[in-house]
N, C-alpha and C. Protein backbone atom coordinates (compact mmCIF):
# COMPACT_ATOMS: atom_id res chain seq x y z
N MET A 1 -22.79 -3.29 -12.15
CA MET A 1 -21.82 -2.64 -11.28
C MET A 1 -21.04 -3.72 -10.54
N ALA A 2 -19.74 -3.57 -10.49
CA ALA A 2 -18.88 -4.56 -9.86
C ALA A 2 -19.00 -4.49 -8.34
N ASP A 3 -18.94 -5.64 -7.71
CA ASP A 3 -18.97 -5.68 -6.25
C ASP A 3 -17.65 -5.16 -5.71
N HIS A 4 -17.74 -4.42 -4.62
CA HIS A 4 -16.52 -3.96 -3.96
C HIS A 4 -15.97 -5.10 -3.11
N VAL A 5 -14.67 -5.25 -3.13
CA VAL A 5 -14.01 -6.26 -2.32
C VAL A 5 -13.29 -5.53 -1.20
N TYR A 6 -13.39 -6.06 -0.01
CA TYR A 6 -12.79 -5.44 1.16
C TYR A 6 -11.81 -6.40 1.84
N LEU A 7 -10.79 -5.83 2.45
CA LEU A 7 -9.81 -6.60 3.21
C LEU A 7 -9.89 -6.22 4.68
N THR A 8 -9.65 -7.19 5.53
CA THR A 8 -9.51 -6.92 6.96
C THR A 8 -8.11 -6.35 7.20
N PRO A 9 -7.86 -5.79 8.37
CA PRO A 9 -6.49 -5.32 8.66
C PRO A 9 -5.45 -6.44 8.54
N GLU A 10 -5.81 -7.65 8.94
CA GLU A 10 -4.87 -8.77 8.83
C GLU A 10 -4.56 -9.08 7.36
N GLU A 11 -5.59 -9.05 6.52
CA GLU A 11 -5.39 -9.31 5.09
C GLU A 11 -4.59 -8.19 4.45
N LEU A 12 -4.82 -6.96 4.90
CA LEU A 12 -4.08 -5.83 4.37
C LEU A 12 -2.60 -5.94 4.73
N SER A 13 -2.31 -6.37 5.94
CA SER A 13 -0.93 -6.58 6.35
C SER A 13 -0.27 -7.63 5.45
N GLU A 14 -1.00 -8.68 5.13
CA GLU A 14 -0.48 -9.70 4.22
C GLU A 14 -0.24 -9.13 2.83
N ARG A 15 -1.14 -8.27 2.37
CA ARG A 15 -1.00 -7.65 1.05
C ARG A 15 0.34 -6.94 0.94
N TYR A 16 0.76 -6.31 2.02
CA TYR A 16 2.02 -5.58 2.03
C TYR A 16 3.15 -6.42 2.64
N ARG A 17 2.98 -7.74 2.58
CA ARG A 17 4.00 -8.71 3.01
C ARG A 17 4.52 -8.46 4.41
N GLY A 18 3.64 -8.00 5.28
CA GLY A 18 4.01 -7.77 6.68
C GLY A 18 4.77 -6.49 6.93
N ALA A 19 5.04 -5.71 5.88
CA ALA A 19 5.78 -4.46 6.05
C ALA A 19 4.96 -3.44 6.83
N VAL A 20 3.64 -3.59 6.79
CA VAL A 20 2.73 -2.75 7.57
C VAL A 20 1.97 -3.68 8.50
N SER A 21 2.20 -3.54 9.80
CA SER A 21 1.57 -4.45 10.75
C SER A 21 0.15 -4.00 11.07
N VAL A 22 -0.60 -4.91 11.68
CA VAL A 22 -1.96 -4.60 12.11
C VAL A 22 -1.93 -3.47 13.14
N ASP A 23 -0.92 -3.47 14.01
CA ASP A 23 -0.79 -2.38 15.00
C ASP A 23 -0.51 -1.04 14.33
N THR A 24 0.31 -1.05 13.28
CA THR A 24 0.56 0.19 12.54
C THR A 24 -0.72 0.69 11.90
N LEU A 25 -1.49 -0.21 11.32
CA LEU A 25 -2.78 0.19 10.73
C LEU A 25 -3.69 0.80 11.79
N ARG A 26 -3.71 0.21 12.97
CA ARG A 26 -4.53 0.73 14.07
C ARG A 26 -4.07 2.15 14.44
N ASN A 27 -2.75 2.35 14.53
CA ASN A 27 -2.23 3.69 14.84
C ASN A 27 -2.59 4.68 13.74
N TRP A 28 -2.43 4.27 12.49
CA TRP A 28 -2.77 5.15 11.37
C TRP A 28 -4.23 5.56 11.43
N ARG A 29 -5.12 4.61 11.75
CA ARG A 29 -6.54 4.94 11.82
C ARG A 29 -6.80 5.98 12.90
N SER A 30 -6.14 5.83 14.05
CA SER A 30 -6.35 6.78 15.14
C SER A 30 -5.84 8.17 14.79
N LEU A 31 -4.80 8.22 13.95
CA LEU A 31 -4.22 9.50 13.52
C LEU A 31 -4.86 10.03 12.24
N ARG A 32 -5.75 9.23 11.65
CA ARG A 32 -6.42 9.55 10.38
C ARG A 32 -5.41 9.74 9.24
N VAL A 33 -4.41 8.84 9.21
CA VAL A 33 -3.46 8.79 8.10
C VAL A 33 -3.53 7.38 7.50
N GLY A 34 -2.86 7.18 6.40
CA GLY A 34 -2.88 5.86 5.77
C GLY A 34 -4.09 5.70 4.86
N PRO A 35 -4.35 4.48 4.45
CA PRO A 35 -5.45 4.24 3.50
C PRO A 35 -6.82 4.45 4.17
N SER A 36 -7.78 4.87 3.35
CA SER A 36 -9.15 5.04 3.83
C SER A 36 -9.71 3.69 4.25
N PHE A 37 -10.66 3.72 5.18
CA PHE A 37 -11.26 2.49 5.66
C PHE A 37 -12.74 2.71 5.93
N VAL A 38 -13.44 1.60 6.06
CA VAL A 38 -14.86 1.61 6.38
C VAL A 38 -15.01 0.91 7.72
N LYS A 39 -15.82 1.49 8.59
CA LYS A 39 -16.07 0.83 9.87
C LYS A 39 -17.53 0.42 9.90
N VAL A 40 -17.75 -0.87 10.09
CA VAL A 40 -19.09 -1.43 10.17
C VAL A 40 -19.19 -2.10 11.53
N GLY A 41 -19.89 -1.46 12.44
CA GLY A 41 -19.90 -1.96 13.81
C GLY A 41 -18.49 -1.86 14.36
N LYS A 42 -17.96 -2.99 14.82
CA LYS A 42 -16.58 -3.01 15.32
C LYS A 42 -15.59 -3.44 14.25
N SER A 43 -16.09 -3.83 13.10
CA SER A 43 -15.21 -4.31 12.02
C SER A 43 -14.64 -3.15 11.23
N VAL A 44 -13.35 -3.27 10.91
CA VAL A 44 -12.66 -2.30 10.06
C VAL A 44 -12.34 -3.00 8.76
N LEU A 45 -12.71 -2.37 7.64
CA LEU A 45 -12.49 -2.96 6.32
C LEU A 45 -11.85 -1.93 5.40
N TYR A 46 -11.01 -2.43 4.50
CA TYR A 46 -10.32 -1.59 3.53
C TYR A 46 -10.76 -1.99 2.14
N SER A 47 -11.26 -1.04 1.37
CA SER A 47 -11.70 -1.29 0.00
C SER A 47 -10.49 -1.47 -0.91
N ILE A 48 -10.51 -2.52 -1.73
CA ILE A 48 -9.42 -2.77 -2.70
C ILE A 48 -9.29 -1.57 -3.64
N VAL A 49 -10.41 -1.02 -4.06
CA VAL A 49 -10.38 0.14 -4.98
C VAL A 49 -9.65 1.31 -4.33
N GLU A 50 -9.95 1.58 -3.06
CA GLU A 50 -9.29 2.67 -2.35
C GLU A 50 -7.82 2.36 -2.09
N LEU A 51 -7.51 1.10 -1.81
CA LEU A 51 -6.11 0.71 -1.59
C LEU A 51 -5.29 0.90 -2.85
N ASP A 52 -5.85 0.53 -4.00
CA ASP A 52 -5.15 0.73 -5.27
C ASP A 52 -4.90 2.22 -5.50
N ARG A 53 -5.89 3.05 -5.19
CA ARG A 53 -5.75 4.50 -5.34
C ARG A 53 -4.67 5.03 -4.38
N TRP A 54 -4.67 4.53 -3.14
CA TRP A 54 -3.69 4.96 -2.15
C TRP A 54 -2.28 4.54 -2.58
N ASP A 55 -2.17 3.31 -3.10
CA ASP A 55 -0.87 2.83 -3.60
C ASP A 55 -0.33 3.76 -4.69
N LYS A 56 -1.19 4.11 -5.63
CA LYS A 56 -0.75 4.98 -6.74
C LYS A 56 -0.31 6.34 -6.22
N GLY A 57 -0.95 6.83 -5.18
CA GLY A 57 -0.56 8.11 -4.59
C GLY A 57 0.75 8.06 -3.84
N ASN A 58 1.22 6.85 -3.54
CA ASN A 58 2.46 6.69 -2.79
C ASN A 58 3.61 6.17 -3.64
N ILE A 59 3.44 6.17 -4.93
CA ILE A 59 4.51 5.73 -5.82
C ILE A 59 5.65 6.74 -5.77
N VAL A 60 6.85 6.24 -5.60
CA VAL A 60 8.04 7.08 -5.60
C VAL A 60 8.68 6.95 -6.98
N THR A 61 8.75 8.05 -7.68
CA THR A 61 9.31 8.06 -9.02
C THR A 61 10.81 8.31 -8.94
N CYS A 62 11.55 7.46 -9.57
CA CYS A 62 13.00 7.59 -9.58
C CYS A 62 13.45 8.21 -10.89
N ALA A 63 14.53 8.96 -10.82
CA ALA A 63 15.09 9.57 -12.02
C ALA A 63 15.71 8.48 -12.88
N THR A 64 15.50 8.55 -14.17
CA THR A 64 16.11 7.58 -15.07
C THR A 64 17.50 8.06 -15.46
N ASN A 65 18.38 7.12 -15.68
CA ASN A 65 19.75 7.40 -16.11
C ASN A 65 20.52 8.28 -15.14
N ARG A 66 20.11 8.31 -13.92
CA ARG A 66 20.85 9.11 -12.94
C ARG A 66 22.20 8.46 -12.65
N PHE A 67 22.16 7.17 -12.54
CA PHE A 67 23.38 6.42 -12.33
C PHE A 67 23.50 5.38 -13.43
N ARG A 68 24.71 5.17 -13.86
CA ARG A 68 24.95 4.16 -14.88
C ARG A 68 25.31 2.86 -14.18
N VAL A 69 24.53 1.83 -14.46
CA VAL A 69 24.79 0.53 -13.86
C VAL A 69 25.59 -0.28 -14.88
N PRO A 70 26.83 -0.68 -14.51
CA PRO A 70 27.65 -1.44 -15.47
C PRO A 70 27.03 -2.80 -15.74
N THR A 71 27.04 -3.20 -16.98
CA THR A 71 26.48 -4.50 -17.37
C THR A 71 27.55 -5.56 -17.50
N GLY A 72 28.81 -5.13 -17.57
CA GLY A 72 29.90 -6.09 -17.72
C GLY A 72 30.17 -6.47 -19.16
N THR A 73 29.39 -5.92 -20.09
CA THR A 73 29.57 -6.26 -21.52
C THR A 73 30.15 -5.10 -22.30
N GLU A 74 30.38 -3.98 -21.63
CA GLU A 74 30.87 -2.81 -22.34
C GLU A 74 32.37 -2.68 -22.19
N ASN A 75 33.00 -2.15 -23.19
CA ASN A 75 34.44 -1.87 -23.14
C ASN A 75 34.63 -0.40 -22.86
N ASP A 76 35.14 -0.09 -21.68
CA ASP A 76 35.34 1.33 -21.32
C ASP A 76 36.74 1.76 -21.58
């Protein structure tokens, strides 16, 4: 069985390139929104497996061929 890897809130913020701050994660936890977490004593940890699942649930699917992007090689 593979070991679970966990991230701290600071590491999770880095994972999302700072787009989600540690303070935002704290607010989300208090509201019970955002990614699932584990609390061990005073430590808050986020499972990579759960984060991957949460990411997949937040994928925004875009319509294909909705807009035509000119390539500059076509003769109209």
